[in-house]
Amino acid sequence: MWRDPGAWIAIGVSLLFLVVALVMHRVIVKVLKNGSTEPSDHE
């Protein structure tokens, strides 16, 4: 399994997805705690 490139790609995509989800979750919680309801069209 560890010599299969497809397995490494799947693991990499899974880790990347987890990191992105964690970052988005932290940003959303931060925004909710700040209570800013203004639309962010600049990003």
PDB file of N, CA and C in Angstrom:
ATOM      1  N   MET A   1       0.833  -1.205   0.000  1.00  0.00           N
ATOM      2  CA  MET A   1       0.000   0.000   0.000  1.00  0.00           C
ATOM      3  C   MET A   1       0.872   1.261   0.000  1.00  0.00           C
ATOM      4  N   TRP A   2       1.964   1.242   0.797  1.00  0.00           N
ATOM      5  CA  TRP A   2       2.767   2.453   0.936  1.00  0.00           C
ATOM      6  C   TRP A   2       3.599   2.736  -0.309  1.00  0.00           C
ATOM      7  N   ARG A   3       3.719   1.744  -1.211  1.00  0.00           N
ATOM      8  CA  ARG A   3       4.484   1.986  -2.433  1.00  0.00           C
ATOM      9  C   ARG A   3       3.573   2.431  -3.578  1.00  0.00           C
ATOM     10  N   ASP A   4       2.278   2.446  -3.334  1.00  0.00           N
ATOM     11  CA  ASP A   4       1.316   2.804  -4.377  1.00  0.00           C
ATOM     12  C   ASP A   4       1.153   4.326  -4.436  1.00  0.00           C
ATOM     13  N   PRO A   5       1.474   4.951  -5.577  1.00  0.00           N
ATOM     14  CA  PRO A   5       1.320   6.413  -5.692  1.00  0.00           C
ATOM     15  C   PRO A   5      -0.121   6.859  -5.479  1.00  0.00           C
ATOM     16  N   GLY A   6      -1.071   6.049  -5.917  1.00  0.00           N
ATOM     17  CA  GLY A   6      -2.481   6.407  -5.754  1.00  0.00           C
ATOM     18  C   GLY A   6      -2.861   6.533  -4.292  1.00  0.00           C
ATOM     19  N   ALA A   7      -2.278   5.681  -3.451  1.00  0.00           N
ATOM     20  CA  ALA A   7      -2.563   5.745  -2.013  1.00  0.00           C
ATOM     21  C   ALA A   7      -2.023   7.044  -1.429  1.00  0.00           C
ATOM     22  N   TRP A   8      -0.819   7.434  -1.834  1.00  0.00           N
ATOM     23  CA  TRP A   8      -0.240   8.687  -1.332  1.00  0.00           C
ATOM     24  C   TRP A   8      -1.064   9.884  -1.788  1.00  0.00           C
ATOM     25  N   ILE A   9      -1.572   9.835  -3.026  1.00  0.00           N
ATOM     26  CA  ILE A   9      -2.406  10.933  -3.527  1.00  0.00           C
ATOM     27  C   ILE A   9      -3.686  11.021  -2.703  1.00  0.00           C
ATOM     28  N   ALA A  10      -4.300   9.868  -2.429  1.00  0.00           N
ATOM     29  CA  ALA A  10      -5.533   9.859  -1.640  1.00  0.00           C
ATOM     30  C   ALA A  10      -5.277  10.387  -0.232  1.00  0.00           C
ATOM     31  N   ILE A  11      -4.162   9.967   0.375  1.00  0.00           N
ATOM     32  CA  ILE A  11      -3.823  10.439   1.723  1.00  0.00           C
ATOM     33  C   ILE A  11      -3.566  11.944   1.710  1.00  0.00           C
ATOM     34  N   GLY A  12      -2.849  12.410   0.701  1.00  0.00           N
ATOM     35  CA  GLY A  12      -2.552  13.837   0.600  1.00  0.00           C
ATOM     36  C   GLY A  12      -3.813  14.667   0.433  1.00  0.00           C
ATOM     37  N   VAL A  13      -4.723  14.221  -0.418  1.00  0.00           N
ATOM     38  CA  VAL A  13      -5.976  14.944  -0.629  1.00  0.00           C
ATOM     39  C   VAL A  13      -6.798  14.955   0.654  1.00  0.00           C
ATOM     40  N   SER A  14      -6.823  13.824   1.355  1.00  0.00           N
ATOM     41  CA  SER A  14      -7.585  13.748   2.605  1.00  0.00           C
ATOM     42  C   SER A  14      -7.009  14.706   3.648  1.00  0.00           C
ATOM     43  N   LEU A  15      -5.688  14.720   3.787  1.00  0.00           N
ATOM     44  CA  LEU A  15      -5.059  15.626   4.756  1.00  0.00           C
ATOM     45  C   LEU A  15      -5.306  17.077   4.366  1.00  0.00           C
ATOM     46  N   LEU A  16      -5.195  17.388   3.071  1.00  0.00           N
ATOM     47  CA  LEU A  16      -5.428  18.752   2.609  1.00  0.00           C
ATOM     48  C   LEU A  16      -6.859  19.178   2.917  1.00  0.00           C
ATOM     49  N   PHE A  17      -7.825  18.276   2.679  1.00  0.00           N
ATOM     50  CA  PHE A  17      -9.224  18.572   2.956  1.00  0.00           C
ATOM     51  C   PHE A  17      -9.437  18.835   4.441  1.00  0.00           C
ATOM     52  N   LEU A  18      -8.797  18.026   5.291  1.00  0.00           N
ATOM     53  CA  LEU A  18      -8.934  18.214   6.740  1.00  0.00           C
ATOM     54  C   LEU A  18      -8.351  19.558   7.169  1.00  0.00           C
ATOM     55  N   VAL A  19      -7.197  19.922   6.620  1.00  0.00           N
ATOM     56  CA  VAL A  19      -6.568  21.196   6.979  1.00  0.00           C
ATOM     57  C   VAL A  19      -7.449  22.364   6.543  1.00  0.00           C
ATOM     58  N   VAL A  20      -7.967  22.300   5.319  1.00  0.00           N
ATOM     59  CA  VAL A  20      -8.829  23.373   4.816  1.00  0.00           C
ATOM     60  C   VAL A  20     -10.088  23.487   5.668  1.00  0.00           C
ATOM     61  N   ALA A  21     -10.689  22.346   6.025  1.00  0.00           N
ATOM     62  CA  ALA A  21     -11.895  22.360   6.856  1.00  0.00           C
ATOM     63  C   ALA A  21     -11.592  22.963   8.225  1.00  0.00           C
ATOM     64  N   LEU A  22     -10.445  22.621   8.800  1.00  0.00           N
ATOM     65  CA  LEU A  22     -10.075  23.148  10.113  1.00  0.00           C
ATOM     66  C   LEU A  22      -9.875  24.660  10.052  1.00  0.00           C
ATOM     67  N   VAL A  23      -9.186  25.135   9.014  1.00  0.00           N
ATOM     68  CA  VAL A  23      -8.954  26.577   8.866  1.00  0.00           C
ATOM     69  C   VAL A  23     -10.276  27.309   8.681  1.00  0.00           C
ATOM     70  N   MET A  24     -11.148  26.790   7.819  1.00  0.00           N
ATOM     71  CA  MET A  24     -12.449  27.428   7.595  1.00  0.00           C
ATOM     72  C   MET A  24     -13.253  27.454   8.885  1.00  0.00           C
ATOM     73  N   HIS A  25     -13.207  26.370   9.661  1.00  0.00           N
ATOM     74  CA  HIS A  25     -13.946  26.308  10.920  1.00  0.00           C
ATOM     75  C   HIS A  25     -13.444  27.374  11.887  1.00  0.00           C
ATOM     76  N   ARG A  26     -12.130  27.525  11.983  1.00  0.00           N
ATOM     77  CA  ARG A  26     -11.554  28.530  12.881  1.00  0.00           C
ATOM     78  C   ARG A  26     -11.945  29.936  12.438  1.00  0.00           C
ATOM     79  N   VAL A  27     -11.930  30.183  11.132  1.00  0.00           N
ATOM     80  CA  VAL A  27     -12.291  31.507  10.627  1.00  0.00           C
ATOM     81  C   VAL A  27     -13.753  31.805  10.920  1.00  0.00           C
ATOM     82  N   ILE A  28     -14.626  30.830  10.694  1.00  0.00           N
ATOM     83  CA  ILE A  28     -16.059  31.021  10.929  1.00  0.00           C
ATOM     84  C   ILE A  28     -16.322  31.279  12.406  1.00  0.00           C
ATOM     85  N   VAL A  29     -15.690  30.501  13.283  1.00  0.00           N
ATOM     86  CA  VAL A  29     -15.874  30.704  14.723  1.00  0.00           C
ATOM     87  C   VAL A  29     -15.366  32.086  15.130  1.00  0.00           C
ATOM     88  N   LYS A  30     -14.244  32.498  14.570  1.00  0.00           N
ATOM     89  CA  LYS A  30     -13.672  33.813  14.882  1.00  0.00           C
ATOM     90  C   LYS A  30     -14.625  34.925  14.452  1.00  0.00           C
ATOM     91  N   VAL A  31     -15.195  34.793  13.254  1.00  0.00           N
ATOM     92  CA  VAL A  31     -16.125  35.805  12.751  1.00  0.00           C
ATOM     93  C   VAL A  31     -17.383  35.835  13.606  1.00  0.00           C
ATOM     94  N   LEU A  32     -17.894  34.657  13.977  1.00  0.00           N
ATOM     95  CA  LEU A  32     -19.104  34.609  14.792  1.00  0.00           C
ATOM     96  C   LEU A  32     -18.859  35.212  16.174  1.00  0.00           C
ATOM     97  N   LYS A  33     -17.683  34.969  16.746  1.00  0.00           N
ATOM     98  CA  LYS A  33     -17.374  35.533  18.063  1.00  0.00           C
ATOM     99  C   LYS A  33     -17.243  37.049  17.986  1.00  0.00           C
ATOM    100  N   ASN A  34     -16.717  37.554  16.869  1.00  0.00           N
ATOM    101  CA  ASN A  34     -16.584  38.999  16.710  1.00  0.00           C
ATOM    102  C   ASN A  34     -17.939  39.636  16.423  1.00  0.00           C
ATOM    103  N   GLY A  35     -18.872  38.855  15.895  1.00  0.00           N
ATOM    104  CA  GLY A  35     -20.215  39.358  15.638  1.00  0.00           C
ATOM    105  C   GLY A  35     -20.266  40.271  14.429  1.00  0.00           C
ATOM    106  N   SER A  36     -19.315  40.164  13.528  1.00  0.00           N
ATOM    107  CA  SER A  36     -19.325  41.003  12.336  1.00  0.00           C
ATOM    108  C   SER A  36     -20.233  40.366  11.287  1.00  0.00           C
ATOM    109  N   THR A  37     -21.298  41.066  10.941  1.00  0.00           N
ATOM    110  CA  THR A  37     -22.254  40.535   9.968  1.00  0.00           C
ATOM    111  C   THR A  37     -22.107  41.240   8.627  1.00  0.00           C
ATOM    112  N   GLU A  38     -21.058  42.047   8.493  1.00  0.00           N
ATOM    113  CA  GLU A  38     -20.859  42.761   7.239  1.00  0.00           C
ATOM    114  C   GLU A  38     -20.380  41.799   6.161  1.00  0.00           C
ATOM    115  N   PRO A  39     -20.887  41.941   4.941  1.00  0.00           N
ATOM    116  CA  PRO A  39     -20.474  41.036   3.857  1.00  0.00           C
ATOM    117  C   PRO A  39     -19.032  41.289   3.457  1.00  0.00           C
ATOM    118  N   SER A  40     -18.291  40.220   3.242  1.00  0.00           N
ATOM    119  CA  SER A  40     -16.885  40.352   2.851  1.00  0.00           C
ATOM    120  C   SER A  40     -16.769  40.112   1.346  1.00  0.00           C
ATOM    121  N   ASP A  41     -16.971  41.158   0.576  1.00  0.00           N
ATOM    122  CA  ASP A  41     -16.892  41.044  -0.875  1.00  0.00           C
ATOM    123  C   ASP A  41     -15.468  41.278  -1.373  1.00  0.00           C
ATOM    124  N   HIS A  42     -14.567  41.698  -0.490  1.00  0.00           N
ATOM    125  CA  HIS A  42     -13.207  41.995  -0.927  1.00  0.00           C
ATOM    126  C   HIS A  42     -12.397  40.733  -1.145  1.00  0.00           C
ATOM    127  N   GLU A  43     -12.796  39.634  -0.584  1.00  0.00           N
ATOM    128  CA  GLU A  43     -12.028  38.394  -0.737  1.00  0.00           C
ATOM    129  C   GLU A  43     -12.565  37.583  -1.891  1.00  0.00           C
TER     130      GLU A  43
END
